[in-house]
Amino acid sequence: MSDIVLRVENLRRHFVLPRESLFRSAETVYALNGVDLEIKAGQSLGVVGESGCGKSTLARLCMALDKPTTGRVEILGQDVNKLPARLLRRARARFQMVFQDPYGSLDPRHTVRRIVGETLDALPDPERVGSRDEAVASAIDAVGLRAADLGKYPHEFSGGQRQRIAIARALVTRPSLIVADEPVSALDVSVQAQVLNLMQDLQRDYGVTYMLISHDLGVVDYVCDEVAVMYLGRVVERASRAQLFARPAHPYTQALFEAVPRIGAGRRKRASLQGNVGSQTEQNSGCAFAERCPIVQTRCRAEIPELRKIDNGHMASCHFA
């Protein structure tokens, strides 16, 4: 399918910190610095990068849980940040989110029936009780839980089952887009594959489009069709999963792959990055990765590289990719 479900254009988010002194101006955290993304219907986009690179901020902006400093977030052709509150509340049926921690994202005082059905209750013009219960039961069945589980509380389930409940809560409105922020990072390795397989099954059965936020390249390789690599609030490389894993072009992406342990590879020399991650409270005049890049040149410190095409569908933000 060629329809664009999510389009992000020049998205920026800057946070002004509280002043620490009367004699110093307040500092600004530049969390996102001009992000452009698209996800086609029925596809999965993985967003990877180190902690603090802006992945979760991007997820919150795409879900209209926060407003951008500048830029646009379009879901199914609508700029969600320009919708009045009443219309935005109605539009939320089309995009939902799965949070990272299934232990913290479910209210321990509510039953599964109420947790999953609360998504429907929050929408304007709520459905009749009969159809609401049917939708909740259908969502629970879709994620592999039983009808008998509807009356239970979150503490009665394992971590993997809790994340299934969280996925059911997102699925109950039959959304076009689900943003999953590190959906398996809090789970044991033995149940991560079960949850990822479930997400793939739901995509096949319901045509869901995913944005998957992760720091785990193995998870992205297993689930996603395309991958965007972020560094200090910018997308530094974007390509199909096959292109990126076969031939990473940006030095930062190459360093990420070098850091992944490989079974049976024996001893190998790994390229280590020098220097520290740049400050998010300063705007760079050149490439944000310049101080750590093994191929840095004078131009890199003076000119911000644009995200440019280096191959068919493969883009990188590097002067020398």
Protein backbone atom coordinates (compact mmCIF):
# COMPACT_ATOMS: atom_id res chain seq x y z
CA MET A 1 0.00 0.00 0.00
CA SER A 2 1.27 3.49 -0.89
CA ASP A 3 -0.88 5.61 1.46
CA ILE A 4 1.11 7.57 4.04
CA VAL A 5 -0.19 6.97 7.56
CA LEU A 6 2.36 9.13 9.43
CA ARG A 7 4.29 12.08 8.02
CA VAL A 8 6.65 14.14 10.18
CA GLU A 9 8.08 17.34 8.69
CA ASN A 10 10.92 19.43 10.17
CA LEU A 11 9.91 18.46 13.70
CA ARG A 12 11.68 20.36 16.48
CA ARG A 13 11.17 20.25 20.23
CA HIS A 14 13.10 22.53 22.57
CA PHE A 15 12.64 22.56 26.35
CA VAL A 16 13.52 25.66 28.39
CA LEU A 17 15.02 24.65 31.74
CA PRO A 18 14.36 26.52 35.01
CA ARG A 19 16.88 29.26 35.70
CA GLU A 20 19.54 28.23 38.19
CA SER A 21 20.74 31.75 38.84
CA LEU A 22 19.48 35.32 38.55
CA PHE A 23 22.67 36.21 36.73
CA ARG A 24 22.45 33.50 34.05
CA SER A 25 19.88 33.03 31.35
CA ALA A 26 17.84 29.83 31.30
CA GLU A 27 19.32 26.96 29.30
CA THR A 28 17.45 25.21 26.50
CA VAL A 29 17.49 21.48 25.76
CA TYR A 30 17.37 20.85 22.01
CA ALA A 31 15.67 17.44 22.09
CA LEU A 32 14.64 17.29 18.43
CA ASN A 33 16.32 19.28 15.67
CA GLY A 34 14.44 18.93 12.40
CA VAL A 35 13.18 15.35 12.02
CA ASP A 36 11.52 14.20 8.78
CA LEU A 37 9.86 10.78 8.56
CA GLU A 38 7.17 8.91 6.64
CA ILE A 39 5.53 5.55 7.28
CA LYS A 40 3.37 3.85 4.66
CA ALA A 41 0.23 1.93 5.54
CA GLY A 42 0.88 -1.58 6.78
CA GLN A 43 4.62 -0.95 7.22
CA SER A 44 6.83 -0.84 10.31
CA LEU A 45 9.46 1.83 10.95
CA GLY A 46 12.10 1.21 13.59
CA VAL A 47 13.69 4.22 15.31
CA VAL A 48 17.01 3.38 16.98
CA GLY A 49 19.72 5.28 18.81
CA GLU A 50 21.37 5.82 22.18
CA SER A 51 19.47 6.92 25.27
CA GLY A 52 18.85 10.65 25.10
CA CYS A 53 18.85 10.91 21.31
CA GLY A 54 15.18 11.99 21.19
CA LYS A 55 13.37 8.73 20.42
CA SER A 56 10.77 8.97 23.18
CA THR A 57 10.26 12.70 22.59
CA LEU A 58 9.53 11.88 18.95
CA ALA A 59 7.04 9.20 20.02
CA ARG A 60 5.20 11.62 22.33
CA LEU A 61 4.97 14.26 19.62
CA CYS A 62 3.65 11.73 17.11
CA MET A 63 0.95 10.78 19.63
CA ALA A 64 0.03 14.45 20.27
CA LEU A 65 0.97 14.02 23.94
CA ASP A 66 3.21 17.06 23.57
CA LYS A 67 3.35 19.96 21.13
CA PRO A 68 6.36 20.64 18.90
CA THR A 69 8.30 23.87 18.97
CA THR A 70 8.03 23.90 15.18
CA GLY A 71 7.10 21.38 12.51
CA ARG A 72 4.17 19.19 11.56
CA VAL A 73 2.86 15.77 12.53
CA GLU A 74 0.30 14.44 10.05
CA ILE A 75 -1.65 11.26 10.70
CA LEU A 76 -3.80 10.12 7.79
CA GLY A 77 -3.43 13.58 6.25
CA GLN A 78 -4.46 15.55 9.36
CA ASP A 79 -2.10 17.84 11.27
CA VAL A 80 -2.90 16.62 14.78
CA ASN A 81 -1.47 19.74 16.42
CA LYS A 82 -3.97 21.99 14.66
CA LEU A 83 -7.05 19.99 15.63
CA PRO A 84 -9.37 21.48 18.29
CA ALA A 85 -9.42 19.50 21.53
CA ARG A 86 -12.79 17.88 20.73
CA LEU A 87 -11.69 16.71 17.27
CA LEU A 88 -8.28 15.58 18.55
CA ARG A 89 -9.99 13.43 21.17
CA ARG A 90 -12.09 11.81 18.45
CA ALA A 91 -9.06 11.36 16.19
CA ARG A 92 -7.18 9.44 18.90
CA ALA A 93 -9.14 6.34 17.93
CA ARG A 94 -6.87 6.16 14.87
CA PHE A 95 -3.54 6.28 16.70
CA GLN A 96 -2.56 4.61 19.95
CA MET A 97 0.59 3.96 21.98
CA VAL A 98 2.17 1.02 23.80
CA PHE A 99 4.46 2.16 26.59
CA GLN A 100 7.74 0.65 27.68
CA ASP A 101 6.97 -0.59 31.18
CA PRO A 102 3.98 -2.95 31.49
CA TYR A 103 4.37 -2.77 35.28
CA GLY A 104 3.90 0.99 35.37
CA SER A 105 1.52 1.66 32.48
CA LEU A 106 -1.40 -0.41 33.85
CA ASP A 107 -3.45 0.86 36.79
CA PRO A 108 -3.12 -1.80 39.54
CA ARG A 109 -6.55 -0.89 40.96
CA HIS A 110 -8.45 -1.64 37.75
CA THR A 111 -9.46 -4.93 36.18
CA VAL A 112 -8.42 -5.87 32.67
CA ARG A 113 -11.96 -5.19 31.47
CA ARG A 114 -11.76 -1.60 32.70
CA ILE A 115 -8.16 -1.03 31.56
CA VAL A 116 -8.88 -2.09 27.98
CA GLY A 117 -12.33 -0.52 27.84
CA GLU A 118 -11.09 2.79 29.24
CA THR A 119 -9.69 3.64 25.80
CA LEU A 120 -13.20 3.48 24.36
CA ASP A 121 -14.68 5.38 27.32
CA ALA A 122 -12.24 8.26 26.73
CA LEU A 123 -13.53 8.82 23.20
CA PRO A 124 -16.44 11.21 22.59
CA ASP A 125 -19.84 9.64 21.85
CA PRO A 126 -18.99 6.36 23.65
CA GLU A 127 -20.33 3.15 22.19
CA ARG A 128 -23.25 1.28 23.70
CA VAL A 129 -22.35 -1.04 26.58
CA GLY A 130 -22.98 -4.13 24.49
CA SER A 131 -20.68 -3.18 21.63
CA ARG A 132 -18.07 -1.90 24.10
CA ASP A 133 -17.91 -5.27 25.84
CA GLU A 134 -17.70 -7.03 22.49
CA ALA A 135 -14.80 -4.81 21.41
CA VAL A 136 -12.94 -5.43 24.68
CA ALA A 137 -13.46 -9.20 24.45
CA SER A 138 -12.32 -9.19 20.81
CA ALA A 139 -9.14 -7.25 21.66
CA ILE A 140 -8.31 -9.59 24.54
CA ASP A 141 -8.84 -12.62 22.33
CA ALA A 142 -6.64 -11.07 19.60
CA VAL A 143 -3.66 -10.83 21.95
CA GLY A 144 -3.99 -14.42 23.15
CA LEU A 145 -5.67 -13.95 26.53
CA ARG A 146 -8.88 -15.59 27.74
CA ALA A 147 -12.28 -14.11 28.52
CA ALA A 148 -11.79 -15.29 32.12
CA ASP A 149 -8.87 -12.85 32.41
CA LEU A 150 -11.15 -9.82 32.05
CA GLY A 151 -12.01 -9.80 35.75
CA LYS A 152 -8.41 -10.09 36.95
CA TYR A 153 -5.98 -7.37 38.05
CA PRO A 154 -2.52 -6.61 36.58
CA HIS A 155 -0.63 -8.14 39.52
CA GLU A 156 -2.09 -11.53 38.60
CA PHE A 157 -0.21 -11.62 35.30
CA SER A 158 3.38 -12.07 34.19
CA GLY A 159 5.32 -9.29 32.45
CA GLY A 160 4.63 -10.69 29.00
CA GLN A 161 0.92 -11.02 29.73
CA ARG A 162 0.80 -7.45 31.03
CA GLN A 163 2.31 -6.20 27.81
CA ARG A 164 -0.35 -8.17 25.92
CA ILE A 165 -2.97 -6.28 27.95
CA ALA A 166 -1.27 -3.00 27.01
CA ILE A 167 -1.34 -4.01 23.34
CA ALA A 168 -5.03 -4.95 23.65
CA ARG A 169 -5.73 -1.50 25.13
CA ALA A 170 -4.11 0.09 22.07
CA LEU A 171 -5.81 -2.29 19.63
CA VAL A 172 -9.37 -1.95 20.95
CA THR A 173 -10.16 1.14 18.82
CA ARG A 174 -8.78 -0.59 15.69
CA PRO A 175 -6.17 2.16 15.09
CA SER A 176 -4.29 2.71 11.86
CA LEU A 177 -1.07 3.58 13.72
CA ILE A 178 0.49 2.18 16.90
CA VAL A 179 3.62 3.75 18.35
CA ALA A 180 5.46 1.23 20.53
CA ASP A 181 8.11 2.77 22.80
CA GLU A 182 10.57 0.02 23.77
CA PRO A 183 7.71 -2.52 24.06
CA VAL A 184 9.91 -5.50 25.03
CA SER A 185 12.90 -3.94 26.81
CA ALA A 186 11.35 -4.53 30.26
CA LEU A 187 10.60 -8.19 29.51
CA ASP A 188 12.65 -11.33 29.92
CA VAL A 189 14.38 -12.45 26.75
CA SER A 190 12.32 -15.66 26.77
CA VAL A 191 9.06 -13.72 26.30
CA GLN A 192 10.31 -10.93 24.04
CA ALA A 193 9.94 -13.09 20.94
CA GLN A 194 6.36 -13.98 21.90
CA VAL A 195 5.36 -10.31 22.10
CA LEU A 196 7.15 -9.47 18.84
CA ASN A 197 5.44 -12.38 17.08
CA LEU A 198 2.12 -11.13 18.42
CA MET A 199 2.78 -7.66 17.00
CA GLN A 200 3.55 -9.15 13.60
CA ASP A 201 0.39 -11.28 13.70
CA LEU A 202 -1.72 -8.21 14.52
CA GLN A 203 -0.14 -6.30 11.67
CA ARG A 204 -1.01 -9.12 9.29
CA ASP A 205 -4.57 -9.54 10.59
CA TYR A 206 -5.53 -5.88 11.17
CA GLY A 207 -3.23 -3.95 8.85
CA VAL A 208 -1.70 -1.96 11.71
CA THR A 209 1.15 0.44 10.93
CA TYR A 210 3.93 0.53 13.55
CA MET A 211 6.53 2.99 14.71
CA LEU A 212 8.82 0.92 16.93
CA ILE A 213 11.18 2.80 19.24
CA SER A 214 14.09 0.62 20.32
CA HIS A 215 17.77 0.54 21.21
CA ASP A 216 17.98 -3.16 20.28
CA LEU A 217 19.06 -3.73 16.68
CA GLY A 218 17.98 -7.38 16.89
CA VAL A 219 14.39 -6.38 17.68
CA VAL A 220 14.35 -3.88 14.81
CA ASP A 221 15.79 -6.46 12.42
CA TYR A 222 13.06 -8.94 13.37
CA VAL A 223 10.04 -6.63 13.13
CA CYS A 224 10.66 -3.58 10.95
CA ASP A 225 10.57 -2.86 7.21
CA GLU A 226 12.48 0.43 7.46
CA VAL A 227 14.90 1.85 10.01
CA ALA A 228 15.74 5.41 11.05
CA VAL A 229 18.87 6.00 13.14
CA MET A 230 18.86 9.03 15.45
CA TYR A 231 21.70 10.93 17.06
CA LEU A 232 21.22 14.03 19.26
CA GLY A 233 17.78 14.86 17.96
CA ARG A 234 18.45 14.26 14.26
CA VAL A 235 17.90 11.36 11.88
CA VAL A 236 21.41 10.54 10.64
CA GLU A 237 20.48 7.57 8.46
CA ARG A 238 17.35 6.01 7.03
CA ALA A 239 16.97 2.98 4.79
CA SER A 240 15.13 -0.28 4.38
CA ARG A 241 16.03 -2.88 6.98
CA ALA A 242 17.84 -4.99 4.37
CA GLN A 243 19.91 -2.04 3.08
CA LEU A 244 20.84 -0.75 6.52
CA PHE A 245 21.89 -4.11 7.93
CA ALA A 246 23.80 -5.05 4.78
CA ARG A 247 25.64 -1.75 4.30
CA PRO A 248 25.36 0.92 7.02
CA ALA A 249 26.63 4.19 5.57
CA HIS A 250 26.86 6.67 8.45
CA PRO A 251 29.87 6.32 10.80
CA TYR A 252 27.55 6.37 13.82
CA THR A 253 25.41 3.53 12.42
CA GLN A 254 28.57 1.57 11.67
CA ALA A 255 29.67 2.05 15.29
CA LEU A 256 26.30 0.77 16.53
CA PHE A 257 26.71 -2.42 14.52
CA GLU A 258 30.29 -2.84 15.71
CA ALA A 259 29.05 -2.74 19.31
CA VAL A 260 26.69 -5.70 18.84
CA PRO A 261 28.12 -8.96 20.26
CA ARG A 262 28.32 -11.78 17.72
CA ILE A 263 28.11 -15.43 18.71
CA GLY A 264 30.93 -17.53 17.30
CA ALA A 265 32.85 -14.55 15.94
CA GLY A 266 35.78 -15.13 18.27
CA ARG A 267 37.99 -12.28 19.27
CA ARG A 268 37.69 -9.29 17.00
CA LYS A 269 38.87 -5.72 17.15
CA ARG A 270 35.96 -3.37 17.65
CA ALA A 271 36.04 0.22 16.52
CA SER A 272 35.57 2.35 19.62
CA LEU A 273 34.23 5.88 19.46
CA GLN A 274 36.41 8.57 20.99
CA GLY A 275 35.09 11.55 22.90
CA ASN A 276 31.75 12.12 24.60
CA VAL A 277 28.21 12.65 23.38
CA GLY A 278 27.68 16.35 22.72
CA SER A 279 25.59 18.55 25.00
CA GLN A 280 21.89 18.84 24.24
CA THR A 281 21.89 22.37 25.60
CA GLU A 282 24.10 23.64 22.77
CA GLN A 283 23.29 23.97 19.10
CA ASN A 284 26.01 22.68 16.82
CA SER A 285 27.36 24.76 13.97
CA GLY A 286 28.40 21.59 12.20
CA CYS A 287 27.75 17.85 12.42
CA ALA A 288 26.68 16.78 15.92
CA PHE A 289 28.75 13.59 15.57
CA ALA A 290 31.95 15.40 14.55
CA GLU A 291 33.73 15.08 17.93
CA ARG A 292 33.37 11.29 17.91
CA CYS A 293 33.59 10.55 14.19
CA PRO A 294 36.61 8.54 12.95
CA ILE A 295 36.49 10.22 9.50
CA VAL A 296 35.85 13.81 10.62
CA GLN A 297 37.22 16.63 8.46
CA THR A 298 37.22 20.42 8.67
CA ARG A 299 33.99 20.71 6.71
CA CYS A 300 32.15 18.57 9.28
CA ARG A 301 32.68 21.11 12.07
CA ALA A 302 31.56 24.06 9.95
CA GLU A 303 28.59 22.72 7.97
CA ILE A 304 25.60 20.66 9.15
CA PRO A 305 25.20 17.71 6.74
CA GLU A 306 21.77 17.30 5.18
CA LEU A 307 19.98 13.97 4.97
CA ARG A 308 20.75 13.05 1.35
CA LYS A 309 20.18 10.08 -0.90
CA ILE A 310 23.25 7.89 -1.34
CA ASP A 311 21.49 4.91 -2.92
CA ASN A 312 18.01 3.85 -3.98
CA GLY A 313 15.92 4.68 -0.90
CA HIS A 314 19.02 4.87 1.33
CA MET A 315 19.68 8.26 2.96
CA ALA A 316 22.44 9.44 5.27
CA SER A 317 23.32 12.70 6.98
CA CYS A 318 27.07 12.69 6.37
CA HIS A 319 29.27 14.66 3.96
CA PHE A 320 31.38 11.57 3.27
CA ALA A 321 28.91 8.67 3.56
